[in-house]
Amino acid sequence: MDKVKTSPYNPFDYLENDEEINEYLSAAFNDEDPHVFLIALGYLAKKRGMSEIARLTGVNRESLYKSLSGKGNPGFATIAKIAKALGLSLHWETKVTQLPTAS
């Protein structure tokens, strides 16, 4: 019997353009579990090169792997650095017509 060679799954190997990447990241961000978004960023960082992301962020590779594994708990500043290094920008849009007022 021949041995089957496998490689780690990375969804970014199958996303074909920026629109698909944006949809994937948006869906991950909007998931109820915030770790889903961190894992998605981890997949993108691996696709782009974890060493390069570490260099651009000033965060060592081991910390990046832990932060983006879904088991870490990175702060917003770290997530923002990673997003910037990946060439991502965040924007929000309101889904309510009127924001509540402070009492």
PDB file of N, CA and C in Angstrom:
ATOM      1  N   MET A   1       0.835  -1.168   0.000  1.00  0.00           N
ATOM      2  CA  MET A   1       0.000   0.000   0.000  1.00  0.00           C
ATOM      3  C   MET A   1       0.890   1.244   0.000  1.00  0.00           C
ATOM      4  N   ASP A   2       0.560   2.182  -0.867  1.00  0.00           N
ATOM      5  CA  ASP A   2       1.316   3.435  -0.930  1.00  0.00           C
ATOM      6  C   ASP A   2       0.950   4.337   0.238  1.00  0.00           C
ATOM      7  N   LYS A   3       1.942   5.059   0.711  1.00  0.00           N
ATOM      8  CA  LYS A   3       1.686   6.018   1.778  1.00  0.00           C
ATOM      9  C   LYS A   3       1.036   7.259   1.168  1.00  0.00           C
ATOM     10  N   VAL A   4       0.090   7.786   1.899  1.00  0.00           N
ATOM     11  CA  VAL A   4      -0.583   9.007   1.474  1.00  0.00           C
ATOM     12  C   VAL A   4       0.100  10.180   2.161  1.00  0.00           C
ATOM     13  N   LYS A   5       0.510  11.157   1.360  1.00  0.00           N
ATOM     14  CA  LYS A   5       1.141  12.340   1.928  1.00  0.00           C
ATOM     15  C   LYS A   5       0.080  13.421   2.090  1.00  0.00           C
ATOM     16  N   THR A   6       0.014  13.972   3.281  1.00  0.00           N
ATOM     17  CA  THR A   6      -0.942  15.040   3.555  1.00  0.00           C
ATOM     18  C   THR A   6      -0.195  16.308   3.942  1.00  0.00           C
ATOM     19  N   SER A   7      -0.874  17.414   3.849  1.00  0.00           N
ATOM     20  CA  SER A   7      -0.302  18.681   4.293  1.00  0.00           C
ATOM     21  C   SER A   7      -1.369  19.422   5.090  1.00  0.00           C
ATOM     22  N   PRO A   8      -0.943  20.327   5.948  1.00  0.00           N
ATOM     23  CA  PRO A   8      -1.916  21.052   6.763  1.00  0.00           C
ATOM     24  C   PRO A   8      -2.905  21.826   5.886  1.00  0.00           C
ATOM     25  N   TYR A   9      -4.160  21.837   6.299  1.00  0.00           N
ATOM     26  CA  TYR A   9      -5.193  22.561   5.563  1.00  0.00           C
ATOM     27  C   TYR A   9      -5.073  24.052   5.848  1.00  0.00           C
ATOM     28  N   ASN A  10      -5.135  24.853   4.804  1.00  0.00           N
ATOM     29  CA  ASN A  10      -5.174  26.298   4.945  1.00  0.00           C
ATOM     30  C   ASN A  10      -6.217  26.816   3.960  1.00  0.00           C
ATOM     31  N   PRO A  11      -7.324  27.375   4.460  1.00  0.00           N
ATOM     32  CA  PRO A  11      -8.384  27.829   3.559  1.00  0.00           C
ATOM     33  C   PRO A  11      -7.906  28.878   2.564  1.00  0.00           C
ATOM     34  N   PHE A  12      -6.860  29.609   2.899  1.00  0.00           N
ATOM     35  CA  PHE A  12      -6.365  30.642   1.992  1.00  0.00           C
ATOM     36  C   PHE A  12      -5.684  30.054   0.760  1.00  0.00           C
ATOM     37  N   ASP A  13      -5.431  28.753   0.781  1.00  0.00           N
ATOM     38  CA  ASP A  13      -4.935  28.087  -0.423  1.00  0.00           C
ATOM     39  C   ASP A  13      -6.036  27.966  -1.476  1.00  0.00           C
ATOM     40  N   TYR A  14      -7.287  28.130  -1.073  1.00  0.00           N
ATOM     41  CA  TYR A  14      -8.426  27.903  -1.959  1.00  0.00           C
ATOM     42  C   TYR A  14      -9.233  29.161  -2.255  1.00  0.00           C
ATOM     43  N   LEU A  15      -8.921  30.247  -1.581  1.00  0.00           N
ATOM     44  CA  LEU A  15      -9.619  31.505  -1.845  1.00  0.00           C
ATOM     45  C   LEU A  15      -8.918  32.183  -3.017  1.00  0.00           C
ATOM     46  N   GLU A  16      -9.683  32.583  -4.001  1.00  0.00           N
ATOM     47  CA  GLU A  16      -9.092  32.996  -5.269  1.00  0.00           C
ATOM     48  C   GLU A  16      -8.877  34.488  -5.444  1.00  0.00           C
ATOM     49  N   ASN A  17      -9.534  35.326  -4.666  1.00  0.00           N
ATOM     50  CA  ASN A  17      -9.362  36.763  -4.868  1.00  0.00           C
ATOM     51  C   ASN A  17      -9.633  37.507  -3.561  1.00  0.00           C
ATOM     52  N   ASP A  18      -9.394  38.816  -3.593  1.00  0.00           N
ATOM     53  CA  ASP A  18      -9.562  39.630  -2.384  1.00  0.00           C
ATOM     54  C   ASP A  18     -10.992  39.590  -1.858  1.00  0.00           C
ATOM     55  N   GLU A  19     -11.964  39.537  -2.749  1.00  0.00           N
ATOM     56  CA  GLU A  19     -13.359  39.506  -2.315  1.00  0.00           C
ATOM     57  C   GLU A  19     -13.637  38.256  -1.484  1.00  0.00           C
ATOM     58  N   GLU A  20     -13.142  37.109  -1.928  1.00  0.00           N
ATOM     59  CA  GLU A  20     -13.344  35.869  -1.167  1.00  0.00           C
ATOM     60  C   GLU A  20     -12.609  35.921   0.167  1.00  0.00           C
ATOM     61  N   ILE A  21     -11.406  36.473   0.148  1.00  0.00           N
ATOM     62  CA  ILE A  21     -10.640  36.615   1.394  1.00  0.00           C
ATOM     63  C   ILE A  21     -11.387  37.515   2.364  1.00  0.00           C
ATOM     64  N   ASN A  22     -11.904  38.637   1.871  1.00  0.00           N
ATOM     65  CA  ASN A  22     -12.643  39.567   2.727  1.00  0.00           C
ATOM     66  C   ASN A  22     -13.898  38.919   3.301  1.00  0.00           C
ATOM     67  N   GLU A  23     -14.606  38.154   2.486  1.00  0.00           N
ATOM     68  CA  GLU A  23     -15.808  37.473   2.976  1.00  0.00           C
ATOM     69  C   GLU A  23     -15.460  36.462   4.060  1.00  0.00           C
ATOM     70  N   TYR A  24     -14.386  35.717   3.844  1.00  0.00           N
ATOM     71  CA  TYR A  24     -13.958  34.717   4.833  1.00  0.00           C
ATOM     72  C   TYR A  24     -13.605  35.401   6.156  1.00  0.00           C
ATOM     73  N   LEU A  25     -12.805  36.463   6.089  1.00  0.00           N
ATOM     74  CA  LEU A  25     -12.396  37.159   7.308  1.00  0.00           C
ATOM     75  C   LEU A  25     -13.585  37.823   7.997  1.00  0.00           C
ATOM     76  N   SER A  26     -14.503  38.391   7.226  1.00  0.00           N
ATOM     77  CA  SER A  26     -15.693  39.017   7.811  1.00  0.00           C
ATOM     78  C   SER A  26     -16.557  37.991   8.533  1.00  0.00           C
ATOM     79  N   ALA A  27     -16.738  36.840   7.912  1.00  0.00           N
ATOM     80  CA  ALA A  27     -17.523  35.781   8.553  1.00  0.00           C
ATOM     81  C   ALA A  27     -16.841  35.319   9.835  1.00  0.00           C
ATOM     82  N   ALA A  28     -15.524  35.191   9.805  1.00  0.00           N
ATOM     83  CA  ALA A  28     -14.786  34.778  11.003  1.00  0.00           C
ATOM     84  C   ALA A  28     -14.907  35.831  12.098  1.00  0.00           C
ATOM     85  N   PHE A  29     -14.806  37.101  11.718  1.00  0.00           N
ATOM     86  CA  PHE A  29     -14.901  38.187  12.693  1.00  0.00           C
ATOM     87  C   PHE A  29     -16.284  38.224  13.337  1.00  0.00           C
ATOM     88  N   ASN A  30     -17.302  37.935  12.554  1.00  0.00           N
ATOM     89  CA  ASN A  30     -18.682  38.005  13.044  1.00  0.00           C
ATOM     90  C   ASN A  30     -19.143  36.743  13.776  1.00  0.00           C
ATOM     91  N   ASP A  31     -18.288  35.731  13.842  1.00  0.00           N
ATOM     92  CA  ASP A  31     -18.629  34.521  14.579  1.00  0.00           C
ATOM     93  C   ASP A  31     -18.763  34.853  16.068  1.00  0.00           C
ATOM     94  N   GLU A  32     -19.609  34.120  16.755  1.00  0.00           N
ATOM     95  CA  GLU A  32     -19.804  34.339  18.191  1.00  0.00           C
ATOM     96  C   GLU A  32     -18.540  34.068  19.004  1.00  0.00           C
ATOM     97  N   ASP A  33     -17.706  33.182  18.514  1.00  0.00           N
ATOM     98  CA  ASP A  33     -16.464  32.833  19.211  1.00  0.00           C
ATOM     99  C   ASP A  33     -15.322  33.667  18.632  1.00  0.00           C
ATOM    100  N   PRO A  34     -14.741  34.591  19.402  1.00  0.00           N
ATOM    101  CA  PRO A  34     -13.677  35.448  18.878  1.00  0.00           C
ATOM    102  C   PRO A  34     -12.430  34.682  18.452  1.00  0.00           C
ATOM    103  N   HIS A  35     -12.264  33.465  18.959  1.00  0.00           N
ATOM    104  CA  HIS A  35     -11.094  32.679  18.569  1.00  0.00           C
ATOM    105  C   HIS A  35     -11.154  32.274  17.092  1.00  0.00           C
ATOM    106  N   VAL A  36     -12.354  32.216  16.530  1.00  0.00           N
ATOM    107  CA  VAL A  36     -12.494  31.874  15.109  1.00  0.00           C
ATOM    108  C   VAL A  36     -11.767  32.905  14.258  1.00  0.00           C
ATOM    109  N   PHE A  37     -11.897  34.183  14.616  1.00  0.00           N
ATOM    110  CA  PHE A  37     -11.209  35.241  13.873  1.00  0.00           C
ATOM    111  C   PHE A  37      -9.698  35.140  14.047  1.00  0.00           C
ATOM    112  N   LEU A  38      -9.252  34.859  15.261  1.00  0.00           N
ATOM    113  CA  LEU A  38      -7.809  34.729  15.498  1.00  0.00           C
ATOM    114  C   LEU A  38      -7.227  33.580  14.683  1.00  0.00           C
ATOM    115  N   ILE A  39      -7.950  32.475  14.615  1.00  0.00           N
ATOM    116  CA  ILE A  39      -7.492  31.331  13.832  1.00  0.00           C
ATOM    117  C   ILE A  39      -7.444  31.699  12.349  1.00  0.00           C
ATOM    118  N   ALA A  40      -8.447  32.439  11.868  1.00  0.00           N
ATOM    119  CA  ALA A  40      -8.456  32.876  10.471  1.00  0.00           C
ATOM    120  C   ALA A  40      -7.254  33.767  10.186  1.00  0.00           C
ATOM    121  N   LEU A  41      -6.945  34.693  11.088  1.00  0.00           N
ATOM    122  CA  LEU A  41      -5.747  35.523  10.911  1.00  0.00           C
ATOM    123  C   LEU A  41      -4.494  34.658  10.892  1.00  0.00           C
ATOM    124  N   GLY A  42      -4.482  33.619  11.718  1.00  0.00           N
ATOM    125  CA  GLY A  42      -3.344  32.700  11.748  1.00  0.00           C
ATOM    126  C   GLY A  42      -3.151  31.993  10.414  1.00  0.00           C
ATOM    127  N   TYR A  43      -4.239  31.554   9.810  1.00  0.00           N
ATOM    128  CA  TYR A  43      -4.141  30.923   8.484  1.00  0.00           C
ATOM    129  C   TYR A  43      -3.575  31.895   7.456  1.00  0.00           C
ATOM    130  N   LEU A  44      -4.049  33.131   7.494  1.00  0.00           N
ATOM    131  CA  LEU A  44      -3.560  34.126   6.538  1.00  0.00           C
ATOM    132  C   LEU A  44      -2.090  34.450   6.797  1.00  0.00           C
ATOM    133  N   ALA A  45      -1.719  34.562   8.066  1.00  0.00           N
ATOM    134  CA  ALA A  45      -0.316  34.835   8.408  1.00  0.00           C
ATOM    135  C   ALA A  45       0.592  33.704   7.928  1.00  0.00           C
ATOM    136  N   LYS A  46       0.143  32.467   8.093  1.00  0.00           N
ATOM    137  CA  LYS A  46       0.935  31.326   7.610  1.00  0.00           C
ATOM    138  C   LYS A  46       1.072  31.366   6.090  1.00  0.00           C
ATOM    139  N   LYS A  47      -0.005  31.733   5.422  1.00  0.00           N
ATOM    140  CA  LYS A  47       0.015  31.806   3.958  1.00  0.00           C
ATOM    141  C   LYS A  47       0.992  32.891   3.485  1.00  0.00           C
ATOM    142  N   ARG A  48       1.014  34.007   4.185  1.00  0.00           N
ATOM    143  CA  ARG A  48       1.869  35.127   3.788  1.00  0.00           C
ATOM    144  C   ARG A  48       3.300  34.970   4.299  1.00  0.00           C
ATOM    145  N   GLY A  49       3.486  34.117   5.292  1.00  0.00           N
ATOM    146  CA  GLY A  49       4.821  33.885   5.845  1.00  0.00           C
ATOM    147  C   GLY A  49       4.937  34.406   7.261  1.00  0.00           C
ATOM    148  N   MET A  50       4.914  33.499   8.215  1.00  0.00           N
ATOM    149  CA  MET A  50       4.928  33.881   9.625  1.00  0.00           C
ATOM    150  C   MET A  50       6.194  34.649   9.995  1.00  0.00           C
ATOM    151  N   SER A  51       7.327  34.295   9.400  1.00  0.00           N
ATOM    152  CA  SER A  51       8.571  35.015   9.712  1.00  0.00           C
ATOM    153  C   SER A  51       8.479  36.475   9.277  1.00  0.00           C
ATOM    154  N   GLU A  52       7.889  36.709   8.125  1.00  0.00           N
ATOM    155  CA  GLU A  52       7.742  38.082   7.635  1.00  0.00           C
ATOM    156  C   GLU A  52       6.763  38.864   8.507  1.00  0.00           C
ATOM    157  N   ILE A  53       5.684  38.228   8.923  1.00  0.00           N
ATOM    158  CA  ILE A  53       4.718  38.901   9.801  1.00  0.00           C
ATOM    159  C   ILE A  53       5.375  39.219  11.141  1.00  0.00           C
ATOM    160  N   ALA A  54       6.181  38.310  11.645  1.00  0.00           N
ATOM    161  CA  ALA A  54       6.903  38.558  12.895  1.00  0.00           C
ATOM    162  C   ALA A  54       7.836  39.756  12.740  1.00  0.00           C
ATOM    163  N   ARG A  55       8.531  39.818  11.632  1.00  0.00           N
ATOM    164  CA  ARG A  55       9.446  40.939  11.391  1.00  0.00           C
ATOM    165  C   ARG A  55       8.685  42.256  11.328  1.00  0.00           C
ATOM    166  N   LEU A  56       7.577  42.279  10.616  1.00  0.00           N
ATOM    167  CA  LEU A  56       6.811  43.510  10.445  1.00  0.00           C
ATOM    168  C   LEU A  56       6.122  43.979  11.726  1.00  0.00           C
ATOM    169  N   THR A  57       5.741  43.048  12.576  1.00  0.00           N
ATOM    170  CA  THR A  57       5.025  43.405  13.807  1.00  0.00           C
ATOM    171  C   THR A  57       5.943  43.614  14.999  1.00  0.00           C
ATOM    172  N   GLY A  58       7.141  43.046  14.943  1.00  0.00           N
ATOM    173  CA  GLY A  58       8.022  43.098  16.105  1.00  0.00           C
ATOM    174  C   GLY A  58       7.628  42.089  17.177  1.00  0.00           C
ATOM    175  N   VAL A  59       6.766  41.146  16.810  1.00  0.00           N
ATOM    176  CA  VAL A  59       6.335  40.084  17.730  1.00  0.00           C
ATOM    177  C   VAL A  59       7.028  38.800  17.292  1.00  0.00           C
ATOM    178  N   ASN A  60       7.627  38.067  18.230  1.00  0.00           N
ATOM    179  CA  ASN A  60       8.361  36.869  17.814  1.00  0.00           C
ATOM    180  C   ASN A  60       7.415  35.788  17.282  1.00  0.00           C
ATOM    181  N   ARG A  61       7.953  34.914  16.461  1.00  0.00           N
ATOM    182  CA  ARG A  61       7.143  33.892  15.790  1.00  0.00           C
ATOM    183  C   ARG A  61       6.382  33.006  16.765  1.00  0.00           C
ATOM    184  N   GLU A  62       7.044  32.609  17.856  1.00  0.00           N
ATOM    185  CA  GLU A  62       6.386  31.734  18.823  1.00  0.00           C
ATOM    186  C   GLU A  62       5.152  32.405  19.420  1.00  0.00           C
ATOM    187  N   SER A  63       5.279  33.691  19.738  1.00  0.00           N
ATOM    188  CA  SER A  63       4.137  34.434  20.279  1.00  0.00           C
ATOM    189  C   SER A  63       3.031  34.577  19.241  1.00  0.00           C
ATOM    190  N   LEU A  64       3.409  34.776  17.985  1.00  0.00           N
ATOM    191  CA  LEU A  64       2.406  34.858  16.922  1.00  0.00           C
ATOM    192  C   LEU A  64       1.644  33.549  16.789  1.00  0.00           C
ATOM    193  N   TYR A  65       2.379  32.450  16.755  1.00  0.00           N
ATOM    194  CA  TYR A  65       1.720  31.144  16.645  1.00  0.00           C
ATOM    195  C   TYR A  65       0.743  30.925  17.791  1.00  0.00           C
ATOM    196  N   LYS A  66       1.172  31.267  19.011  1.00  0.00           N
ATOM    197  CA  LYS A  66       0.298  31.081  20.172  1.00  0.00           C
ATOM    198  C   LYS A  66      -0.909  32.014  20.093  1.00  0.00           C
ATOM    199  N   SER A  67      -0.674  33.282  19.766  1.00  0.00           N
ATOM    200  CA  SER A  67      -1.759  34.261  19.695  1.00  0.00           C
ATOM    201  C   SER A  67      -2.803  33.889  18.663  1.00  0.00           C
ATOM    202  N   LEU A  68      -2.360  33.301  17.550  1.00  0.00           N
ATOM    203  CA  LEU A  68      -3.247  33.016  16.434  1.00  0.00           C
ATOM    204  C   LEU A  68      -3.694  31.557  16.376  1.00  0.00           C
ATOM    205  N   SER A  69      -3.436  30.819  17.439  1.00  0.00           N
ATOM    206  CA  SER A  69      -3.807  29.401  17.468  1.00  0.00           C
ATOM    207  C   SER A  69      -5.247  29.182  17.915  1.00  0.00           C
ATOM    208  N   GLY A  70      -5.851  30.208  18.483  1.00  0.00           N
ATOM    209  CA  GLY A  70      -7.164  30.037  19.085  1.00  0.00           C
ATOM    210  C   GLY A  70      -7.067  29.720  20.564  1.00  0.00           C
ATOM    211  N   LYS A  71      -5.857  29.480  21.036  1.00  0.00           N
ATOM    212  CA  LYS A  71      -5.645  29.182  22.457  1.00  0.00           C
ATOM    213  C   LYS A  71      -5.037  30.370  23.183  1.00  0.00           C
ATOM    214  N   GLY A  72      -4.491  31.315  22.426  1.00  0.00           N
ATOM    215  CA  GLY A  72      -3.906  32.509  23.020  1.00  0.00           C
ATOM    216  C   GLY A  72      -4.973  33.556  23.269  1.00  0.00           C
ATOM    217  N   ASN A  73      -4.569  34.636  23.896  1.00  0.00           N
ATOM    218  CA  ASN A  73      -5.490  35.723  24.188  1.00  0.00           C
ATOM    219  C   ASN A  73      -4.774  37.048  23.921  1.00  0.00           C
ATOM    220  N   PRO A  74      -4.498  37.350  22.641  1.00  0.00           N
ATOM    221  CA  PRO A  74      -3.745  38.565  22.352  1.00  0.00           C
ATOM    222  C   PRO A  74      -4.576  39.817  22.613  1.00  0.00           C
ATOM    223  N   GLY A  75      -3.886  40.886  22.943  1.00  0.00           N
ATOM    224  CA  GLY A  75      -4.555  42.169  23.122  1.00  0.00           C
ATOM    225  C   GLY A  75      -4.881  42.799  21.777  1.00  0.00           C
ATOM    226  N   PHE A  76      -5.700  43.831  21.814  1.00  0.00           N
ATOM    227  CA  PHE A  76      -6.106  44.484  20.576  1.00  0.00           C
ATOM    228  C   PHE A  76      -4.907  45.083  19.851  1.00  0.00           C
ATOM    229  N   ALA A  77      -3.941  45.621  20.579  1.00  0.00           N
ATOM    230  CA  ALA A  77      -2.763  46.214  19.943  1.00  0.00           C
ATOM    231  C   ALA A  77      -2.026  45.170  19.106  1.00  0.00           C
ATOM    232  N   THR A  78      -1.903  43.960  19.612  1.00  0.00           N
ATOM    233  CA  THR A  78      -1.247  42.886  18.866  1.00  0.00           C
ATOM    234  C   THR A  78      -2.053  42.518  17.630  1.00  0.00           C
ATOM    235  N   ILE A  79      -3.368  42.403  17.780  1.00  0.00           N
ATOM    236  CA  ILE A  79      -4.219  42.072  16.640  1.00  0.00           C
ATOM    237  C   ILE A  79      -4.118  43.169  15.580  1.00  0.00           C
ATOM    238  N   ALA A  80      -4.107  44.422  16.017  1.00  0.00           N
ATOM    239  CA  ALA A  80      -3.998  45.542  15.077  1.00  0.00           C
ATOM    240  C   ALA A  80      -2.666  45.499  14.323  1.00  0.00           C
ATOM    241  N   LYS A  81      -1.573  45.195  15.015  1.00  0.00           N
ATOM    242  CA  LYS A  81      -0.265  45.075  14.355  1.00  0.00           C
ATOM    243  C   LYS A  81      -0.279  43.960  13.314  1.00  0.00           C
ATOM    244  N   ILE A  82      -0.855  42.831  13.680  1.00  0.00           N
ATOM    245  CA  ILE A  82      -0.913  41.694  12.767  1.00  0.00           C
ATOM    246  C   ILE A  82      -1.753  42.045  11.542  1.00  0.00           C
ATOM    247  N   ALA A  83      -2.917  42.648  11.777  1.00  0.00           N
ATOM    248  CA  ALA A  83      -3.793  43.030  10.667  1.00  0.00           C
ATOM    249  C   ALA A  83      -3.076  43.988   9.722  1.00  0.00           C
ATOM    250  N   LYS A  84      -2.389  44.961  10.273  1.00  0.00           N
ATOM    251  CA  LYS A  84      -1.660  45.933   9.444  1.00  0.00           C
ATOM    252  C   LYS A  84      -0.565  45.231   8.639  1.00  0.00           C
ATOM    253  N   ALA A  85       0.168  44.337   9.280  1.00  0.00           N
ATOM    254  CA  ALA A  85       1.233  43.606   8.587  1.00  0.00           C
ATOM    255  C   ALA A  85       0.679  42.731   7.469  1.00  0.00           C
ATOM    256  N   LEU A  86      -0.562  42.272   7.632  1.00  0.00           N
ATOM    257  CA  LEU A  86      -1.205  41.440   6.613  1.00  0.00           C
ATOM    258  C   LEU A  86      -1.849  42.277   5.511  1.00  0.00           C
ATOM    259  N   GLY A  87      -1.775  43.596   5.659  1.00  0.00           N
ATOM    260  CA  GLY A  87      -2.374  44.468   4.662  1.00  0.00           C
ATOM    261  C   GLY A  87      -3.879  44.614   4.814  1.00  0.00           C
ATOM    262  N   LEU A  88      -4.376  44.372   6.010  1.00  0.00           N
ATOM    263  CA  LEU A  88      -5.810  44.456   6.272  1.00  0.00           C
ATOM    264  C   LEU A  88      -6.148  45.796   6.901  1.00  0.00           C
ATOM    265  N   SER A  89      -7.340  46.258   6.652  1.00  0.00           N
ATOM    266  CA  SER A  89      -7.847  47.426   7.357  1.00  0.00           C
ATOM    267  C   SER A  89      -9.239  47.082   7.864  1.00  0.00           C
ATOM    268  N   LEU A  90      -9.584  47.675   8.971  1.00  0.00           N
ATOM    269  CA  LEU A  90     -10.887  47.416   9.575  1.00  0.00           C
ATOM    270  C   LEU A  90     -11.800  48.609   9.323  1.00  0.00           C
ATOM    271  N   HIS A  91     -13.043  48.329   9.099  1.00  0.00           N
ATOM    272  CA  HIS A  91     -14.044  49.387   9.065  1.00  0.00           C
ATOM    273  C   HIS A  91     -15.337  48.816   9.629  1.00  0.00           C
ATOM    274  N   TRP A  92     -16.101  49.693  10.208  1.00  0.00           N
ATOM    275  CA  TRP A  92     -17.368  49.279  10.778  1.00  0.00           C
ATOM    276  C   TRP A  92     -18.490  49.998  10.063  1.00  0.00           C
ATOM    277  N   GLU A  93     -19.614  49.349  10.028  1.00  0.00           N
ATOM    278  CA  GLU A  93     -20.821  49.995   9.536  1.00  0.00           C
ATOM    279  C   GLU A  93     -21.930  49.675  10.515  1.00  0.00           C
ATOM    280  N   THR A  94     -22.730  50.661  10.808  1.00  0.00           N
ATOM    281  CA  THR A  94     -23.811  50.440  11.764  1.00  0.00           C
ATOM    282  C   THR A  94     -24.958  49.715  11.094  1.00  0.00           C
ATOM    283  N   LYS A  95     -25.617  48.889  11.874  1.00  0.00           N
ATOM    284  CA  LYS A  95     -26.780  48.162  11.384  1.00  0.00           C
ATOM    285  C   LYS A  95     -28.040  48.626  12.081  1.00  0.00           C
ATOM    286  N   VAL A  96     -27.900  49.658  12.879  1.00  0.00           N
ATOM    287  CA  VAL A  96     -29.058  50.247  13.549  1.00  0.00           C
ATOM    288  C   VAL A  96     -29.260  51.644  12.973  1.00  0.00           C
ATOM    289  N   THR A  97     -30.490  52.072  12.913  1.00  0.00           N
ATOM    290  CA  THR A  97     -30.764  53.393  12.340  1.00  0.00           C
ATOM    291  C   THR A  97     -30.510  54.514  13.330  1.00  0.00           C
ATOM    292  N   GLN A  98     -30.600  54.197  14.604  1.00  0.00           N
ATOM    293  CA  GLN A  98     -30.381  55.228  15.619  1.00  0.00           C
ATOM    294  C   GLN A  98     -29.671  54.599  16.801  1.00  0.00           C
ATOM    295  N   LEU A  99     -28.579  55.219  17.204  1.00  0.00           N
ATOM    296  CA  LEU A  99     -27.844  54.733  18.366  1.00  0.00           C
ATOM    297  C   LEU A  99     -28.555  55.173  19.639  1.00  0.00           C
ATOM    298  N   PRO A 100     -28.496  54.362  20.680  1.00  0.00           N
ATOM    299  CA  PRO A 100     -29.119  54.760  21.946  1.00  0.00           C
ATOM    300  C   PRO A 100     -28.411  55.984  22.520  1.00  0.00           C
ATOM    301  N   THR A 101     -29.125  56.817  23.199  1.00  0.00           N
ATOM    302  CA  THR A 101     -28.527  58.000  23.814  1.00  0.00           C
ATOM    303  C   THR A 101     -28.216  57.712  25.271  1.00  0.00           C
ATOM    304  N   ALA A 102     -27.193  58.380  25.739  1.00  0.00           N
ATOM    305  CA  ALA A 102     -26.815  58.220  27.158  1.00  0.00           C
ATOM    306  C   ALA A 102     -27.827  58.933  28.028  1.00  0.00           C
ATOM    307  N   SER A 103     -28.127  58.343  29.183  1.00  0.00           N
ATOM    308  CA  SER A 103     -29.121  58.989  30.051  1.00  0.00           C
ATOM    309  C   SER A 103     -28.454  59.731  31.164  1.00  0.00           C
TER     310      SER A 103
END
